[in-house]
């Protein structure tokens, strides 16, 4: 089964983008958030636009009946 990138349901502050990326890459979500903020400042706001695009492009985790 291939690994897929999803928005995080449990580790989210705004939309779950950084939490989902942290789960996907196996990193702490706080580190991903810090990198995102740094990129937003270093790219003069392009990182904010990329984050907003990711909010709409990355799908939510599908509901699974594991009971």
PDB file of N, CA and C in Angstrom:
ATOM      1  N   UNK A   1       0.826  -1.171   0.000  1.00  0.00           N
ATOM      2  CA  UNK A   1       0.000   0.000   0.000  1.00  0.00           C
ATOM      3  C   UNK A   1       0.876   1.241   0.000  1.00  0.00           C
ATOM      4  N   UNK A   2       0.601   2.167  -0.897  1.00  0.00           N
ATOM      5  CA  UNK A   2       1.390   3.378  -1.013  1.00  0.00           C
ATOM      6  C   UNK A   2       1.022   4.365   0.093  1.00  0.00           C
ATOM      7  N   UNK A   3       2.015   5.091   0.538  1.00  0.00           N
ATOM      8  CA  UNK A   3       1.815   6.098   1.563  1.00  0.00           C
ATOM      9  C   UNK A   3       1.182   7.329   0.908  1.00  0.00           C
ATOM     10  N   UNK A   4       0.149   7.899   1.519  1.00  0.00           N
ATOM     11  CA  UNK A   4      -0.529   9.059   0.958  1.00  0.00           C
ATOM     12  C   UNK A   4      -0.539  10.209   1.950  1.00  0.00           C
ATOM     13  N   UNK A   5      -0.521  11.399   1.416  1.00  0.00           N
ATOM     14  CA  UNK A   5      -0.543  12.608   2.223  1.00  0.00           C
ATOM     15  C   UNK A   5      -1.988  13.039   2.443  1.00  0.00           C
ATOM     16  N   UNK A   6      -2.371  13.174   3.717  1.00  0.00           N
ATOM     17  CA  UNK A   6      -3.707  13.625   4.090  1.00  0.00           C
ATOM     18  C   UNK A   6      -3.595  14.740   5.108  1.00  0.00           C
ATOM     19  N   UNK A   7      -4.646  15.543   5.215  1.00  0.00           N
ATOM     20  CA  UNK A   7      -4.732  16.519   6.296  1.00  0.00           C
ATOM     21  C   UNK A   7      -4.888  15.764   7.609  1.00  0.00           C
ATOM     22  N   UNK A   8      -4.272  16.258   8.648  1.00  0.00           N
ATOM     23  CA  UNK A   8      -4.360  15.602   9.947  1.00  0.00           C
ATOM     24  C   UNK A   8      -5.683  15.948  10.625  1.00  0.00           C
ATOM     25  N   UNK A   9      -6.324  14.942  11.192  1.00  0.00           N
ATOM     26  CA  UNK A   9      -7.550  15.158  11.953  1.00  0.00           C
ATOM     27  C   UNK A   9      -7.252  15.465  13.415  1.00  0.00           C
ATOM     28  N   UNK A  10      -6.154  14.941  13.913  1.00  0.00           N
ATOM     29  CA  UNK A  10      -5.861  15.051  15.337  1.00  0.00           C
ATOM     30  C   UNK A  10      -4.828  16.117  15.665  1.00  0.00           C
ATOM     31  N   UNK A  11      -3.882  16.367  14.773  1.00  0.00           N
ATOM     32  CA  UNK A  11      -2.789  17.301  15.036  1.00  0.00           C
ATOM     33  C   UNK A  11      -2.915  18.504  14.114  1.00  0.00           C
ATOM     34  N   UNK A  12      -3.882  19.362  14.413  1.00  0.00           N
ATOM     35  CA  UNK A  12      -4.065  20.529  13.561  1.00  0.00           C
ATOM     36  C   UNK A  12      -4.257  21.785  14.393  1.00  0.00           C
ATOM     37  N   UNK A  13      -3.739  22.870  13.878  1.00  0.00           N
ATOM     38  CA  UNK A  13      -3.911  24.182  14.488  1.00  0.00           C
ATOM     39  C   UNK A  13      -4.849  25.029  13.631  1.00  0.00           C
ATOM     40  N   UNK A  14      -4.633  25.029  12.316  1.00  0.00           N
ATOM     41  CA  UNK A  14      -5.490  25.797  11.418  1.00  0.00           C
ATOM     42  C   UNK A  14      -6.281  24.839  10.526  1.00  0.00           C
ATOM     43  N   UNK A  15      -5.584  24.130   9.657  1.00  0.00           N
ATOM     44  CA  UNK A  15      -6.294  23.246   8.721  1.00  0.00           C
ATOM     45  C   UNK A  15      -5.765  21.816   8.745  1.00  0.00           C
ATOM     46  N   UNK A  16      -4.664  21.566   9.427  1.00  0.00           N
ATOM     47  CA  UNK A  16      -4.100  20.222   9.490  1.00  0.00           C
ATOM     48  C   UNK A  16      -3.033  19.944   8.452  1.00  0.00           C
ATOM     49  N   UNK A  17      -2.600  20.985   7.729  1.00  0.00           N
ATOM     50  CA  UNK A  17      -1.596  20.792   6.680  1.00  0.00           C
ATOM     51  C   UNK A  17      -0.257  20.384   7.279  1.00  0.00           C
ATOM     52  N   UNK A  18       0.243  21.136   8.231  1.00  0.00           N
ATOM     53  CA  UNK A  18       1.547  20.835   8.828  1.00  0.00           C
ATOM     54  C   UNK A  18       1.509  19.529   9.619  1.00  0.00           C
ATOM     55  N   UNK A  19       0.400  19.246  10.295  1.00  0.00           N
ATOM     56  CA  UNK A  19       0.260  17.971  11.003  1.00  0.00           C
ATOM     57  C   UNK A  19       0.276  16.799  10.049  1.00  0.00           C
ATOM     58  N   UNK A  20      -0.397  16.938   8.919  1.00  0.00           N
ATOM     59  CA  UNK A  20      -0.408  15.881   7.907  1.00  0.00           C
ATOM     60  C   UNK A  20       0.960  15.670   7.288  1.00  0.00           C
ATOM     61  N   UNK A  21       1.680  16.765   7.032  1.00  0.00           N
ATOM     62  CA  UNK A  21       3.029  16.637   6.474  1.00  0.00           C
ATOM     63  C   UNK A  21       3.975  16.010   7.489  1.00  0.00           C
ATOM     64  N   UNK A  22       3.785  16.357   8.754  1.00  0.00           N
ATOM     65  CA  UNK A  22       4.598  15.747   9.802  1.00  0.00           C
ATOM     66  C   UNK A  22       4.365  14.251   9.891  1.00  0.00           C
ATOM     67  N   UNK A  23       3.108  13.824   9.805  1.00  0.00           N
ATOM     68  CA  UNK A  23       2.790  12.391   9.814  1.00  0.00           C
ATOM     69  C   UNK A  23       3.367  11.693   8.583  1.00  0.00           C
ATOM     70  N   UNK A  24       3.276  12.331   7.435  1.00  0.00           N
ATOM     71  CA  UNK A  24       3.746  11.735   6.186  1.00  0.00           C
ATOM     72  C   UNK A  24       5.262  11.551   6.183  1.00  0.00           C
ATOM     73  N   UNK A  25       5.995  12.580   6.589  1.00  0.00           N
ATOM     74  CA  UNK A  25       7.454  12.529   6.560  1.00  0.00           C
ATOM     75  C   UNK A  25       8.068  11.971   7.843  1.00  0.00           C
ATOM     76  N   UNK A  26       7.258  11.703   8.863  1.00  0.00           N
ATOM     77  CA  UNK A  26       7.768  11.157  10.106  1.00  0.00           C
ATOM     78  C   UNK A  26       8.502  12.195  10.942  1.00  0.00           C
ATOM     79  N   UNK A  27       8.075  13.453  10.848  1.00  0.00           N
ATOM     80  CA  UNK A  27       8.693  14.544  11.596  1.00  0.00           C
ATOM     81  C   UNK A  27       7.726  15.061  12.646  1.00  0.00           C
ATOM     82  N   UNK A  28       8.263  15.779  13.592  1.00  0.00           N
ATOM     83  CA  UNK A  28       7.426  16.434  14.588  1.00  0.00           C
ATOM     84  C   UNK A  28       6.687  17.579  13.902  1.00  0.00           C
ATOM     85  N   UNK A  29       5.400  17.708  14.154  1.00  0.00           N
ATOM     86  CA  UNK A  29       4.607  18.729  13.481  1.00  0.00           C
ATOM     87  C   UNK A  29       5.043  20.140  13.868  1.00  0.00           C
ATOM     88  N   UNK A  30       5.607  20.304  15.055  1.00  0.00           N
ATOM     89  CA  UNK A  30       6.106  21.618  15.462  1.00  0.00           C
ATOM     90  C   UNK A  30       7.266  22.054  14.579  1.00  0.00           C
ATOM     91  N   UNK A  31       8.132  21.123  14.235  1.00  0.00           N
ATOM     92  CA  UNK A  31       9.243  21.418  13.339  1.00  0.00           C
ATOM     93  C   UNK A  31       8.724  21.811  11.963  1.00  0.00           C
ATOM     94  N   UNK A  32       7.722  21.117  11.470  1.00  0.00           N
ATOM     95  CA  UNK A  32       7.133  21.437  10.169  1.00  0.00           C
ATOM     96  C   UNK A  32       6.493  22.828  10.221  1.00  0.00           C
ATOM     97  N   UNK A  33       5.841  23.155  11.319  1.00  0.00           N
ATOM     98  CA  UNK A  33       5.226  24.482  11.466  1.00  0.00           C
ATOM     99  C   UNK A  33       6.286  25.585  11.471  1.00  0.00           C
ATOM    100  N   UNK A  34       7.398  25.353  12.165  1.00  0.00           N
ATOM    101  CA  UNK A  34       8.483  26.341  12.190  1.00  0.00           C
ATOM    102  C   UNK A  34       9.070  26.547  10.795  1.00  0.00           C
ATOM    103  N   UNK A  35       9.266  25.482  10.071  1.00  0.00           N
ATOM    104  CA  UNK A  35       9.782  25.580   8.704  1.00  0.00           C
ATOM    105  C   UNK A  35       8.792  26.336   7.819  1.00  0.00           C
ATOM    106  N   UNK A  36       7.512  26.084   8.007  1.00  0.00           N
ATOM    107  CA  UNK A  36       6.487  26.772   7.223  1.00  0.00           C
ATOM    108  C   UNK A  36       6.502  28.269   7.499  1.00  0.00           C
ATOM    109  N   UNK A  37       6.626  28.657   8.764  1.00  0.00           N
ATOM    110  CA  UNK A  37       6.664  30.079   9.112  1.00  0.00           C
ATOM    111  C   UNK A  37       7.924  30.733   8.546  1.00  0.00           C
ATOM    112  N   UNK A  38       9.063  30.052   8.646  1.00  0.00           N
ATOM    113  CA  UNK A  38      10.300  30.591   8.089  1.00  0.00           C
ATOM    114  C   UNK A  38      10.189  30.783   6.583  1.00  0.00           C
ATOM    115  N   UNK A  39       9.627  29.796   5.896  1.00  0.00           N
ATOM    116  CA  UNK A  39       9.455  29.923   4.449  1.00  0.00           C
ATOM    117  C   UNK A  39       8.496  31.045   4.088  1.00  0.00           C
ATOM    118  N   UNK A  40       7.480  31.251   4.895  1.00  0.00           N
ATOM    119  CA  UNK A  40       6.532  32.332   4.636  1.00  0.00           C
ATOM    120  C   UNK A  40       7.232  33.689   4.709  1.00  0.00           C
ATOM    121  N   UNK A  41       8.129  33.859   5.682  1.00  0.00           N
ATOM    122  CA  UNK A  41       8.854  35.120   5.800  1.00  0.00           C
ATOM    123  C   UNK A  41       9.938  35.256   4.728  1.00  0.00           C
ATOM    124  N   UNK A  42      10.669  34.176   4.468  1.00  0.00           N
ATOM    125  CA  UNK A  42      11.778  34.245   3.523  1.00  0.00           C
ATOM    126  C   UNK A  42      11.317  34.402   2.074  1.00  0.00           C
ATOM    127  N   UNK A  43      10.117  33.966   1.760  1.00  0.00           N
ATOM    128  CA  UNK A  43       9.630  34.049   0.379  1.00  0.00           C
ATOM    129  C   UNK A  43       8.665  35.213   0.191  1.00  0.00           C
ATOM    130  N   UNK A  44       8.648  36.139   1.128  1.00  0.00           N
ATOM    131  CA  UNK A  44       7.802  37.340   1.054  1.00  0.00           C
ATOM    132  C   UNK A  44       6.328  37.015   0.863  1.00  0.00           C
ATOM    133  N   UNK A  45       5.857  35.996   1.560  1.00  0.00           N
ATOM    134  CA  UNK A  45       4.436  35.668   1.538  1.00  0.00           C
ATOM    135  C   UNK A  45       4.037  34.543   0.607  1.00  0.00           C
ATOM    136  N   UNK A  46       4.939  34.067  -0.220  1.00  0.00           N
ATOM    137  CA  UNK A  46       4.602  32.970  -1.134  1.00  0.00           C
ATOM    138  C   UNK A  46       4.312  31.689  -0.349  1.00  0.00           C
ATOM    139  N   UNK A  47       4.931  31.537   0.803  1.00  0.00           N
ATOM    140  CA  UNK A  47       4.671  30.370   1.643  1.00  0.00           C
ATOM    141  C   UNK A  47       3.257  30.359   2.179  1.00  0.00           C
ATOM    142  N   UNK A  48       2.707  31.533   2.443  1.00  0.00           N
ATOM    143  CA  UNK A  48       1.317  31.633   2.912  1.00  0.00           C
ATOM    144  C   UNK A  48       0.370  31.213   1.809  1.00  0.00           C
ATOM    145  N   UNK A  49       0.655  31.646   0.598  1.00  0.00           N
ATOM    146  CA  UNK A  49      -0.174  31.254  -0.548  1.00  0.00           C
ATOM    147  C   UNK A  49      -0.086  29.749  -0.770  1.00  0.00           C
ATOM    148  N   UNK A  50       1.106  29.182  -0.642  1.00  0.00           N
ATOM    149  CA  UNK A  50       1.278  27.735  -0.794  1.00  0.00           C
ATOM    150  C   UNK A  50       0.504  26.977   0.280  1.00  0.00           C
ATOM    151  N   UNK A  51       0.499  27.494   1.505  1.00  0.00           N
ATOM    152  CA  UNK A  51      -0.239  26.854   2.600  1.00  0.00           C
ATOM    153  C   UNK A  51      -1.741  26.862   2.304  1.00  0.00           C
ATOM    154  N   UNK A  52      -2.244  27.986   1.832  1.00  0.00           N
ATOM    155  CA  UNK A  52      -3.673  28.092   1.507  1.00  0.00           C
ATOM    156  C   UNK A  52      -4.039  27.138   0.377  1.00  0.00           C
ATOM    157  N   UNK A  53      -3.180  27.027  -0.616  1.00  0.00           N
ATOM    158  CA  UNK A  53      -3.426  26.078  -1.714  1.00  0.00           C
ATOM    159  C   UNK A  53      -3.442  24.656  -1.179  1.00  0.00           C
ATOM    160  N   UNK A  54      -2.515  24.328  -0.282  1.00  0.00           N
ATOM    161  CA  UNK A  54      -2.476  22.978   0.305  1.00  0.00           C
ATOM    162  C   UNK A  54      -3.732  22.670   1.102  1.00  0.00           C
ATOM    163  N   UNK A  55      -4.318  23.683   1.732  1.00  0.00           N
ATOM    164  CA  UNK A  55      -5.563  23.482   2.496  1.00  0.00           C
ATOM    165  C   UNK A  55      -6.672  22.936   1.601  1.00  0.00           C
ATOM    166  N   UNK A  56      -6.686  23.375   0.358  1.00  0.00           N
ATOM    167  CA  UNK A  56      -7.742  22.973  -0.562  1.00  0.00           C
ATOM    168  C   UNK A  56      -7.368  21.753  -1.404  1.00  0.00           C
ATOM    169  N   UNK A  57      -6.076  21.530  -1.634  1.00  0.00           N
ATOM    170  CA  UNK A  57      -5.633  20.453  -2.527  1.00  0.00           C
ATOM    171  C   UNK A  57      -5.449  19.125  -1.802  1.00  0.00           C
ATOM    172  N   UNK A  58      -4.884  19.151  -0.599  1.00  0.00           N
ATOM    173  CA  UNK A  58      -4.628  17.914   0.141  1.00  0.00           C
ATOM    174  C   UNK A  58      -5.953  17.381   0.686  1.00  0.00           C
ATOM    175  N   UNK A  59      -6.272  16.116   0.405  1.00  0.00           N
ATOM    176  CA  UNK A  59      -7.566  15.580   0.852  1.00  0.00           C
ATOM    177  C   UNK A  59      -7.578  15.243   2.340  1.00  0.00           C
ATOM    178  N   UNK A  60      -8.794  15.169   2.876  1.00  0.00           N
ATOM    179  CA  UNK A  60      -8.966  14.711   4.253  1.00  0.00           C
ATOM    180  C   UNK A  60      -8.847  13.202   4.285  1.00  0.00           C
ATOM    181  N   UNK A  61      -8.490  12.664   5.440  1.00  0.00           N
ATOM    182  CA  UNK A  61      -8.390  11.218   5.601  1.00  0.00           C
ATOM    183  C   UNK A  61      -9.761  10.579   5.411  1.00  0.00           C
ATOM    184  N   UNK A  62      -9.836   9.525   4.624  1.00  0.00           N
ATOM    185  CA  UNK A  62     -11.124   8.850   4.483  1.00  0.00           C
ATOM    186  C   UNK A  62     -11.515   8.139   5.784  1.00  0.00           C
ATOM    187  N   UNK A  63     -12.781   8.128   6.056  1.00  0.00           N
ATOM    188  CA  UNK A  63     -13.302   7.480   7.272  1.00  0.00           C
ATOM    189  C   UNK A  63     -13.171   5.968   7.091  1.00  0.00           C
ATOM    190  N   UNK A  64     -12.609   5.296   8.069  1.00  0.00           N
ATOM    191  CA  UNK A  64     -12.493   3.841   7.991  1.00  0.00           C
ATOM    192  C   UNK A  64     -13.200   3.212   9.184  1.00  0.00           C
ATOM    193  N   UNK A  65     -13.856   2.124   8.934  1.00  0.00           N
ATOM    194  CA  UNK A  65     -14.577   1.384   9.996  1.00  0.00           C
ATOM    195  C   UNK A  65     -13.678   0.278  10.529  1.00  0.00           C
ATOM    196  N   UNK A  66     -12.824   0.631  11.466  1.00  0.00           N
ATOM    197  CA  UNK A  66     -11.925  -0.357  12.057  1.00  0.00           C
ATOM    198  C   UNK A  66     -12.410  -0.725  13.457  1.00  0.00           C
ATOM    199  N   UNK A  67     -13.575  -1.268  13.575  1.00  0.00           N
ATOM    200  CA  UNK A  67     -14.132  -1.661  14.859  1.00  0.00           C
ATOM    201  C   UNK A  67     -14.609  -3.006  14.798  1.00  0.00           C
TER     202      UNK A  67
END
